[in-house]
Amino acid sequence: MSKSTRATKMLEKAGIAFTVHTYDYDPDADRIGMQAAEALGEAPGRVLKTLMALVDDKPVLVIVPSDREVSMKKLAAAFGGKSAHMMKPADAERISGYKIGGISPFGQMKKLPAAIEEQAMTHDLVFVNGGQRGLQVRLAPRDAARALNAIVAALVA
């Protein structure tokens, strides 16, 4: 497994401190983020999942703790929209340039508006997908928000 991805290259270019962590990815896991947290031996609230959604039919990134579900109402409100829904997996792969289970918010094919759940900001360090299945980057949540120019908001149900 390569530890150099578009995501890690973007973080390096931005001068953001991070460490790379690998784990055995289980393609049959029901909840990929929870499987990553368990494999890394980390609390699910510190392992963030990257989801791709549509707010008023425009693509956005949503980053929330792996043990939480996104409130579509709160997501739409965070972006000043009227409605939100999850993006189809094939569309998420095409737009992000990453495979499901390896979608990172960093280094996507096109820079998208992003939002991070405010609860993530309570941790010194969090884990976020590093752009490959079984690869996570650990970094300060504020650095992640800065790198993505992300909105920090209440996004979970």
N, C-alpha and C. Protein backbone atom coordinates (compact mmCIF):
# COMPACT_ATOMS: atom_id res chain seq x y z
N MET A 1 0.85 -1.19 0.00
CA MET A 1 0.00 0.00 0.00
C MET A 1 0.89 1.24 0.00
N SER A 2 0.60 2.13 -0.93
CA SER A 2 1.34 3.38 -1.00
C SER A 2 0.84 4.32 0.09
N LYS A 3 1.75 4.99 0.73
CA LYS A 3 1.36 5.96 1.76
C LYS A 3 1.37 7.37 1.20
N SER A 4 1.59 7.49 -0.12
CA SER A 4 1.55 8.77 -0.78
C SER A 4 0.35 8.79 -1.73
N THR A 5 -0.59 9.66 -1.44
CA THR A 5 -1.82 9.77 -2.24
C THR A 5 -2.03 11.24 -2.58
N ARG A 6 -3.02 11.52 -3.39
CA ARG A 6 -3.34 12.93 -3.67
C ARG A 6 -3.66 13.66 -2.36
N ALA A 7 -4.29 12.95 -1.42
CA ALA A 7 -4.64 13.56 -0.14
C ALA A 7 -3.39 13.94 0.66
N THR A 8 -2.45 13.01 0.78
CA THR A 8 -1.25 13.31 1.57
C THR A 8 -0.42 14.39 0.88
N LYS A 9 -0.38 14.37 -0.44
CA LYS A 9 0.37 15.39 -1.18
C LYS A 9 -0.24 16.77 -0.97
N MET A 10 -1.58 16.85 -0.95
CA MET A 10 -2.24 18.13 -0.72
C MET A 10 -1.91 18.66 0.67
N LEU A 11 -1.96 17.77 1.68
CA LEU A 11 -1.65 18.19 3.05
C LEU A 11 -0.20 18.65 3.17
N GLU A 12 0.72 17.93 2.53
CA GLU A 12 2.13 18.33 2.55
C GLU A 12 2.30 19.71 1.91
N LYS A 13 1.69 19.91 0.76
CA LYS A 13 1.79 21.19 0.04
C LYS A 13 1.24 22.33 0.88
N ALA A 14 0.18 22.05 1.66
CA ALA A 14 -0.44 23.07 2.51
C ALA A 14 0.34 23.30 3.80
N GLY A 15 1.39 22.49 4.03
CA GLY A 15 2.20 22.64 5.24
C GLY A 15 1.50 22.17 6.51
N ILE A 16 0.59 21.23 6.36
CA ILE A 16 -0.17 20.73 7.52
C ILE A 16 0.50 19.49 8.10
N ALA A 17 0.70 19.49 9.40
CA ALA A 17 1.31 18.35 10.09
C ALA A 17 0.30 17.21 10.18
N PHE A 18 0.74 16.01 9.79
CA PHE A 18 -0.11 14.83 9.88
C PHE A 18 0.76 13.59 9.95
N THR A 19 0.18 12.50 10.43
CA THR A 19 0.85 11.21 10.40
C THR A 19 -0.06 10.25 9.64
N VAL A 20 0.54 9.23 9.05
CA VAL A 20 -0.19 8.25 8.24
C VAL A 20 -0.34 6.97 9.04
N HIS A 21 -1.53 6.40 9.01
CA HIS A 21 -1.82 5.16 9.74
C HIS A 21 -2.56 4.21 8.80
N THR A 22 -2.12 2.95 8.79
CA THR A 22 -2.77 1.96 7.95
C THR A 22 -3.49 0.93 8.82
N TYR A 23 -4.48 0.29 8.23
CA TYR A 23 -5.22 -0.77 8.91
C TYR A 23 -5.73 -1.73 7.84
N ASP A 24 -6.19 -2.89 8.28
CA ASP A 24 -6.75 -3.87 7.35
C ASP A 24 -8.18 -3.49 7.02
N TYR A 25 -8.37 -3.01 5.83
CA TYR A 25 -9.69 -2.59 5.36
C TYR A 25 -10.56 -3.81 5.10
N ASP A 26 -11.78 -3.77 5.61
CA ASP A 26 -12.74 -4.87 5.40
C ASP A 26 -13.81 -4.40 4.42
N PRO A 27 -13.76 -4.87 3.15
CA PRO A 27 -14.74 -4.42 2.16
C PRO A 27 -16.16 -4.86 2.47
N ASP A 28 -16.34 -5.81 3.38
CA ASP A 28 -17.67 -6.29 3.73
C ASP A 28 -18.24 -5.62 4.98
N ALA A 29 -17.52 -4.68 5.55
CA ALA A 29 -18.01 -4.01 6.77
C ALA A 29 -19.28 -3.23 6.46
N ASP A 30 -20.24 -3.28 7.39
CA ASP A 30 -21.48 -2.53 7.22
C ASP A 30 -21.23 -1.03 7.32
N ARG A 31 -20.36 -0.66 8.23
CA ARG A 31 -20.07 0.76 8.46
C ARG A 31 -18.55 0.94 8.39
N ILE A 32 -18.08 1.47 7.29
CA ILE A 32 -16.64 1.56 7.01
C ILE A 32 -15.91 2.38 8.07
N GLY A 33 -16.49 3.52 8.46
CA GLY A 33 -15.85 4.37 9.47
C GLY A 33 -15.71 3.67 10.81
N MET A 34 -16.74 2.94 11.21
CA MET A 34 -16.68 2.21 12.48
C MET A 34 -15.64 1.09 12.40
N GLN A 35 -15.55 0.44 11.25
CA GLN A 35 -14.56 -0.62 11.07
C GLN A 35 -13.15 -0.03 11.17
N ALA A 36 -12.95 1.15 10.61
CA ALA A 36 -11.65 1.81 10.69
C ALA A 36 -11.31 2.15 12.14
N ALA A 37 -12.28 2.69 12.88
CA ALA A 37 -12.05 3.04 14.28
C ALA A 37 -11.65 1.81 15.08
N GLU A 38 -12.37 0.73 14.88
CA GLU A 38 -12.07 -0.51 15.60
C GLU A 38 -10.68 -1.04 15.24
N ALA A 39 -10.38 -1.05 13.94
CA ALA A 39 -9.07 -1.56 13.49
C ALA A 39 -7.92 -0.72 14.00
N LEU A 40 -8.15 0.59 14.16
CA LEU A 40 -7.10 1.49 14.65
C LEU A 40 -7.05 1.54 16.18
N GLY A 41 -8.07 0.95 16.84
CA GLY A 41 -8.13 1.00 18.30
C GLY A 41 -8.43 2.39 18.82
N GLU A 42 -9.21 3.15 18.05
CA GLU A 42 -9.54 4.52 18.40
C GLU A 42 -11.03 4.66 18.71
N ALA A 43 -11.37 5.66 19.50
CA ALA A 43 -12.77 5.97 19.78
C ALA A 43 -13.44 6.42 18.47
N PRO A 44 -14.65 5.94 18.19
CA PRO A 44 -15.32 6.31 16.95
C PRO A 44 -15.49 7.82 16.75
N GLY A 45 -15.58 8.56 17.83
CA GLY A 45 -15.72 10.02 17.71
C GLY A 45 -14.47 10.71 17.18
N ARG A 46 -13.33 10.02 17.25
CA ARG A 46 -12.07 10.59 16.75
C ARG A 46 -11.76 10.15 15.32
N VAL A 47 -12.49 9.16 14.82
CA VAL A 47 -12.28 8.69 13.46
C VAL A 47 -13.45 9.24 12.63
N LEU A 48 -13.13 10.19 11.76
CA LEU A 48 -14.16 10.89 11.00
C LEU A 48 -14.38 10.22 9.65
N LYS A 49 -15.64 10.19 9.24
CA LYS A 49 -15.95 9.64 7.92
C LYS A 49 -16.23 10.80 6.97
N THR A 50 -15.82 10.61 5.74
CA THR A 50 -16.06 11.61 4.70
C THR A 50 -17.21 11.13 3.84
N LEU A 51 -18.24 11.91 3.78
CA LEU A 51 -19.41 11.59 2.98
C LEU A 51 -19.58 12.65 1.90
N MET A 52 -20.18 12.23 0.81
CA MET A 52 -20.45 13.17 -0.27
C MET A 52 -21.96 13.27 -0.41
N ALA A 53 -22.43 14.51 -0.44
CA ALA A 53 -23.87 14.76 -0.48
C ALA A 53 -24.16 15.83 -1.52
N LEU A 54 -25.44 16.05 -1.72
CA LEU A 54 -25.91 17.12 -2.60
C LEU A 54 -26.78 18.05 -1.78
N VAL A 55 -26.47 19.33 -1.82
CA VAL A 55 -27.31 20.35 -1.19
C VAL A 55 -27.85 21.20 -2.33
N ASP A 56 -29.16 21.21 -2.46
CA ASP A 56 -29.82 21.87 -3.59
C ASP A 56 -29.17 21.42 -4.91
N ASP A 57 -28.89 20.11 -4.98
CA ASP A 57 -28.32 19.44 -6.15
C ASP A 57 -26.90 19.87 -6.50
N LYS A 58 -26.18 20.47 -5.54
CA LYS A 58 -24.77 20.82 -5.74
C LYS A 58 -23.92 19.95 -4.80
N PRO A 59 -22.81 19.38 -5.30
CA PRO A 59 -22.00 18.47 -4.47
C PRO A 59 -21.29 19.19 -3.32
N VAL A 60 -21.26 18.52 -2.16
CA VAL A 60 -20.56 19.02 -0.98
C VAL A 60 -19.91 17.84 -0.26
N LEU A 61 -18.91 18.16 0.55
CA LEU A 61 -18.26 17.19 1.43
C LEU A 61 -18.81 17.35 2.83
N VAL A 62 -19.00 16.24 3.51
CA VAL A 62 -19.50 16.24 4.88
C VAL A 62 -18.58 15.36 5.70
N ILE A 63 -18.04 15.89 6.79
CA ILE A 63 -17.09 15.13 7.61
C ILE A 63 -17.65 15.07 9.03
N VAL A 64 -17.97 13.84 9.45
CA VAL A 64 -18.61 13.64 10.75
C VAL A 64 -17.98 12.45 11.47
N PRO A 65 -18.12 12.37 12.79
CA PRO A 65 -17.61 11.20 13.52
C PRO A 65 -18.22 9.92 12.96
N SER A 66 -17.43 8.85 12.94
CA SER A 66 -17.84 7.60 12.31
C SER A 66 -19.05 6.94 12.97
N ASP A 67 -19.34 7.31 14.22
CA ASP A 67 -20.47 6.69 14.91
C ASP A 67 -21.74 7.54 14.86
N ARG A 68 -21.74 8.57 14.04
CA ARG A 68 -22.89 9.47 13.98
C ARG A 68 -23.50 9.49 12.57
N GLU A 69 -24.76 9.91 12.49
CA GLU A 69 -25.47 10.03 11.22
C GLU A 69 -25.72 11.50 10.92
N VAL A 70 -25.63 11.86 9.67
CA VAL A 70 -25.85 13.24 9.24
C VAL A 70 -27.34 13.56 9.23
N SER A 71 -27.68 14.72 9.75
CA SER A 71 -29.04 15.25 9.64
C SER A 71 -29.10 16.03 8.33
N MET A 72 -29.93 15.58 7.41
CA MET A 72 -30.02 16.26 6.12
C MET A 72 -30.54 17.69 6.28
N LYS A 73 -31.41 17.89 7.23
CA LYS A 73 -31.94 19.23 7.50
C LYS A 73 -30.82 20.16 7.97
N LYS A 74 -30.00 19.68 8.91
CA LYS A 74 -28.89 20.49 9.42
C LYS A 74 -27.84 20.71 8.34
N LEU A 75 -27.61 19.70 7.51
CA LEU A 75 -26.63 19.83 6.43
C LEU A 75 -27.08 20.91 5.44
N ALA A 76 -28.32 20.85 5.01
CA ALA A 76 -28.83 21.87 4.09
C ALA A 76 -28.70 23.26 4.70
N ALA A 77 -29.06 23.39 5.97
CA ALA A 77 -29.00 24.68 6.65
C ALA A 77 -27.56 25.20 6.73
N ALA A 78 -26.59 24.30 6.97
CA ALA A 78 -25.18 24.71 7.08
C ALA A 78 -24.69 25.39 5.81
N PHE A 79 -25.22 24.94 4.67
CA PHE A 79 -24.80 25.51 3.38
C PHE A 79 -25.81 26.53 2.85
N GLY A 80 -26.79 26.89 3.67
CA GLY A 80 -27.78 27.86 3.24
C GLY A 80 -28.71 27.32 2.17
N GLY A 81 -28.88 25.99 2.16
CA GLY A 81 -29.74 25.37 1.16
C GLY A 81 -31.09 24.98 1.71
N LYS A 82 -31.93 24.46 0.80
CA LYS A 82 -33.28 24.05 1.18
C LYS A 82 -33.37 22.54 1.41
N SER A 83 -32.58 21.76 0.66
CA SER A 83 -32.68 20.31 0.80
C SER A 83 -31.30 19.67 0.61
N ALA A 84 -31.17 18.48 1.17
CA ALA A 84 -29.91 17.74 1.05
C ALA A 84 -30.21 16.25 0.99
N HIS A 85 -29.37 15.53 0.27
CA HIS A 85 -29.45 14.07 0.27
C HIS A 85 -28.08 13.51 -0.09
N MET A 86 -27.88 12.26 0.28
CA MET A 86 -26.58 11.62 0.02
C MET A 86 -26.40 11.42 -1.48
N MET A 87 -25.16 11.50 -1.92
CA MET A 87 -24.82 11.28 -3.31
C MET A 87 -24.76 9.78 -3.59
N LYS A 88 -25.11 9.37 -4.78
CA LYS A 88 -25.00 7.96 -5.17
C LYS A 88 -23.53 7.58 -5.18
N PRO A 89 -23.20 6.34 -4.73
CA PRO A 89 -21.80 5.92 -4.67
C PRO A 89 -21.02 6.12 -5.98
N ALA A 90 -21.62 5.78 -7.11
CA ALA A 90 -20.91 5.93 -8.39
C ALA A 90 -20.60 7.40 -8.67
N ASP A 91 -21.52 8.29 -8.31
CA ASP A 91 -21.28 9.72 -8.50
C ASP A 91 -20.19 10.22 -7.55
N ALA A 92 -20.22 9.72 -6.31
CA ALA A 92 -19.20 10.11 -5.33
C ALA A 92 -17.81 9.71 -5.82
N GLU A 93 -17.68 8.51 -6.38
CA GLU A 93 -16.39 8.06 -6.90
C GLU A 93 -15.95 8.91 -8.09
N ARG A 94 -16.86 9.19 -8.99
CA ARG A 94 -16.53 9.95 -10.19
C ARG A 94 -16.10 11.38 -9.83
N ILE A 95 -16.85 12.02 -8.95
CA ILE A 95 -16.57 13.42 -8.60
C ILE A 95 -15.32 13.55 -7.73
N SER A 96 -15.15 12.62 -6.78
CA SER A 96 -14.00 12.73 -5.86
C SER A 96 -12.70 12.21 -6.47
N GLY A 97 -12.83 11.23 -7.36
CA GLY A 97 -11.63 10.58 -7.90
C GLY A 97 -11.11 9.49 -6.99
N TYR A 98 -11.87 9.16 -5.95
CA TYR A 98 -11.50 8.11 -5.00
C TYR A 98 -12.55 7.01 -5.02
N LYS A 99 -12.18 5.83 -4.54
CA LYS A 99 -13.10 4.71 -4.43
C LYS A 99 -13.84 4.78 -3.09
N ILE A 100 -15.09 4.32 -3.07
CA ILE A 100 -15.85 4.23 -1.82
C ILE A 100 -15.00 3.43 -0.82
N GLY A 101 -14.95 3.91 0.41
CA GLY A 101 -14.09 3.28 1.43
C GLY A 101 -12.72 3.93 1.48
N GLY A 102 -12.42 4.75 0.48
CA GLY A 102 -11.14 5.44 0.42
C GLY A 102 -11.30 6.90 0.03
N ILE A 103 -12.52 7.44 0.23
CA ILE A 103 -12.76 8.84 -0.13
C ILE A 103 -12.21 9.75 0.96
N SER A 104 -11.28 10.58 0.55
CA SER A 104 -10.69 11.58 1.44
C SER A 104 -11.26 12.94 1.07
N PRO A 105 -11.39 13.83 2.05
CA PRO A 105 -11.81 15.18 1.70
C PRO A 105 -10.67 15.97 1.07
N PHE A 106 -9.45 15.47 1.24
CA PHE A 106 -8.26 16.16 0.74
C PHE A 106 -7.85 15.64 -0.63
N GLY A 107 -7.45 16.54 -1.51
CA GLY A 107 -6.93 16.12 -2.81
C GLY A 107 -7.97 15.59 -3.76
N GLN A 108 -9.21 16.03 -3.61
CA GLN A 108 -10.26 15.57 -4.53
C GLN A 108 -10.01 16.19 -5.91
N MET A 109 -10.64 15.60 -6.92
CA MET A 109 -10.46 16.05 -8.30
C MET A 109 -10.88 17.52 -8.46
N LYS A 110 -11.90 17.93 -7.73
CA LYS A 110 -12.40 19.29 -7.79
C LYS A 110 -12.64 19.75 -6.35
N LYS A 111 -12.23 20.97 -6.04
CA LYS A 111 -12.45 21.48 -4.69
C LYS A 111 -13.94 21.74 -4.48
N LEU A 112 -14.48 21.08 -3.45
CA LEU A 112 -15.91 21.20 -3.15
C LEU A 112 -16.10 21.93 -1.83
N PRO A 113 -17.24 22.58 -1.65
CA PRO A 113 -17.55 23.14 -0.33
C PRO A 113 -17.59 22.00 0.69
N ALA A 114 -17.08 22.27 1.88
CA ALA A 114 -17.00 21.23 2.91
C ALA A 114 -17.55 21.73 4.23
N ALA A 115 -18.06 20.77 5.01
CA ALA A 115 -18.53 21.07 6.36
C ALA A 115 -18.04 19.96 7.30
N ILE A 116 -17.60 20.37 8.48
CA ILE A 116 -17.12 19.43 9.50
C ILE A 116 -18.02 19.57 10.72
N GLU A 117 -18.42 18.43 11.26
CA GLU A 117 -19.23 18.40 12.48
C GLU A 117 -18.47 19.09 13.61
N GLU A 118 -19.13 20.01 14.30
CA GLU A 118 -18.49 20.78 15.36
C GLU A 118 -17.94 19.92 16.50
N GLN A 119 -18.53 18.74 16.74
CA GLN A 119 -18.04 17.86 17.81
C GLN A 119 -16.59 17.42 17.54
N ALA A 120 -16.19 17.34 16.27
CA ALA A 120 -14.84 16.93 15.92
C ALA A 120 -13.80 17.91 16.45
N MET A 121 -14.20 19.15 16.61
CA MET A 121 -13.26 20.20 17.05
C MET A 121 -12.88 20.07 18.53
N THR A 122 -13.58 19.20 19.27
CA THR A 122 -13.26 19.04 20.69
C THR A 122 -12.04 18.14 20.90
N HIS A 123 -11.56 17.49 19.86
CA HIS A 123 -10.41 16.59 19.96
C HIS A 123 -9.12 17.29 19.54
N ASP A 124 -8.01 16.91 20.17
CA ASP A 124 -6.71 17.44 19.76
C ASP A 124 -6.34 16.92 18.37
N LEU A 125 -6.57 15.63 18.17
CA LEU A 125 -6.24 14.99 16.90
C LEU A 125 -7.39 14.09 16.47
N VAL A 126 -7.62 14.01 15.17
CA VAL A 126 -8.65 13.14 14.61
C VAL A 126 -8.03 12.36 13.45
N PHE A 127 -8.73 11.31 13.04
CA PHE A 127 -8.33 10.52 11.88
C PHE A 127 -9.32 10.79 10.75
N VAL A 128 -8.77 10.96 9.55
CA VAL A 128 -9.59 11.20 8.35
C VAL A 128 -9.00 10.32 7.25
N ASN A 129 -9.85 9.84 6.35
CA ASN A 129 -9.35 8.99 5.28
C ASN A 129 -8.26 9.70 4.50
N GLY A 130 -7.21 8.95 4.20
CA GLY A 130 -6.05 9.50 3.50
C GLY A 130 -6.06 9.28 2.00
N GLY A 131 -7.19 8.88 1.44
CA GLY A 131 -7.28 8.77 -0.01
C GLY A 131 -7.10 7.37 -0.55
N GLN A 132 -7.19 6.40 0.34
CA GLN A 132 -7.02 5.01 -0.07
C GLN A 132 -7.68 4.13 0.98
N ARG A 133 -8.26 3.02 0.55
CA ARG A 133 -8.86 2.10 1.51
C ARG A 133 -7.78 1.59 2.45
N GLY A 134 -8.05 1.66 3.76
CA GLY A 134 -7.09 1.19 4.75
C GLY A 134 -6.02 2.20 5.11
N LEU A 135 -6.20 3.45 4.71
CA LEU A 135 -5.21 4.50 4.98
C LEU A 135 -5.91 5.69 5.63
N GLN A 136 -5.42 6.08 6.80
CA GLN A 136 -5.96 7.23 7.51
C GLN A 136 -4.84 8.21 7.80
N VAL A 137 -5.17 9.49 7.83
CA VAL A 137 -4.22 10.51 8.28
C VAL A 137 -4.73 11.04 9.61
N ARG A 138 -3.79 11.27 10.53
CA ARG A 138 -4.13 11.83 11.83
C ARG A 138 -3.63 13.26 11.85
N LEU A 139 -4.54 14.19 12.18
CA LEU A 139 -4.17 15.59 12.18
C LEU A 139 -5.10 16.35 13.12
N ALA A 140 -4.76 17.60 13.38
CA ALA A 140 -5.61 18.45 14.21
C ALA A 140 -6.86 18.81 13.41
N PRO A 141 -8.05 18.71 14.03
CA PRO A 141 -9.27 19.02 13.29
C PRO A 141 -9.30 20.45 12.75
N ARG A 142 -8.69 21.38 13.47
CA ARG A 142 -8.66 22.76 12.99
C ARG A 142 -7.83 22.88 11.72
N ASP A 143 -6.76 22.08 11.63
CA ASP A 143 -5.96 22.07 10.41
C ASP A 143 -6.75 21.49 9.24
N ALA A 144 -7.54 20.45 9.52
CA ALA A 144 -8.38 19.86 8.48
C ALA A 144 -9.38 20.89 7.97
N ALA A 145 -10.02 21.60 8.90
CA ALA A 145 -11.00 22.62 8.52
C ALA A 145 -10.35 23.73 7.71
N ARG A 146 -9.15 24.13 8.12
CA ARG A 146 -8.43 25.20 7.42
C ARG A 146 -8.04 24.76 6.01
N ALA A 147 -7.54 23.52 5.88
CA ALA A 147 -7.12 23.01 4.57
C ALA A 147 -8.29 22.95 3.59
N LEU A 148 -9.48 22.69 4.11
CA LEU A 148 -10.66 22.56 3.26
C LEU A 148 -11.49 23.84 3.18
N ASN A 149 -11.08 24.84 3.94
CA ASN A 149 -11.89 26.06 4.07
C ASN A 149 -13.33 25.68 4.42
N ALA A 150 -13.42 24.75 5.39
CA ALA A 150 -14.70 24.13 5.74
C ALA A 150 -15.52 24.94 6.74
N ILE A 151 -16.81 24.80 6.61
CA ILE A 151 -17.75 25.31 7.60
C ILE A 151 -17.70 24.34 8.79
N VAL A 152 -17.69 24.87 10.00
CA VAL A 152 -17.81 24.03 11.20
C VAL A 152 -19.21 24.26 11.74
N ALA A 153 -19.99 23.18 11.80
CA ALA A 153 -21.40 23.33 12.17
C ALA A 153 -21.93 22.05 12.80
N ALA A 154 -23.08 22.16 13.45
CA ALA A 154 -23.80 20.99 13.98
C ALA A 154 -24.44 20.30 12.77
N LEU A 155 -24.01 19.09 12.48
CA LEU A 155 -24.46 18.38 11.28
C LEU A 155 -25.13 17.04 11.57
N VAL A 156 -25.00 16.56 12.80
CA VAL A 156 -25.49 15.22 13.09
C VAL A 156 -26.88 15.26 13.73
N ALA A 157 -27.59 14.15 13.52
CA ALA A 157 -28.95 14.02 14.05
C ALA A 157 -28.93 13.87 15.56
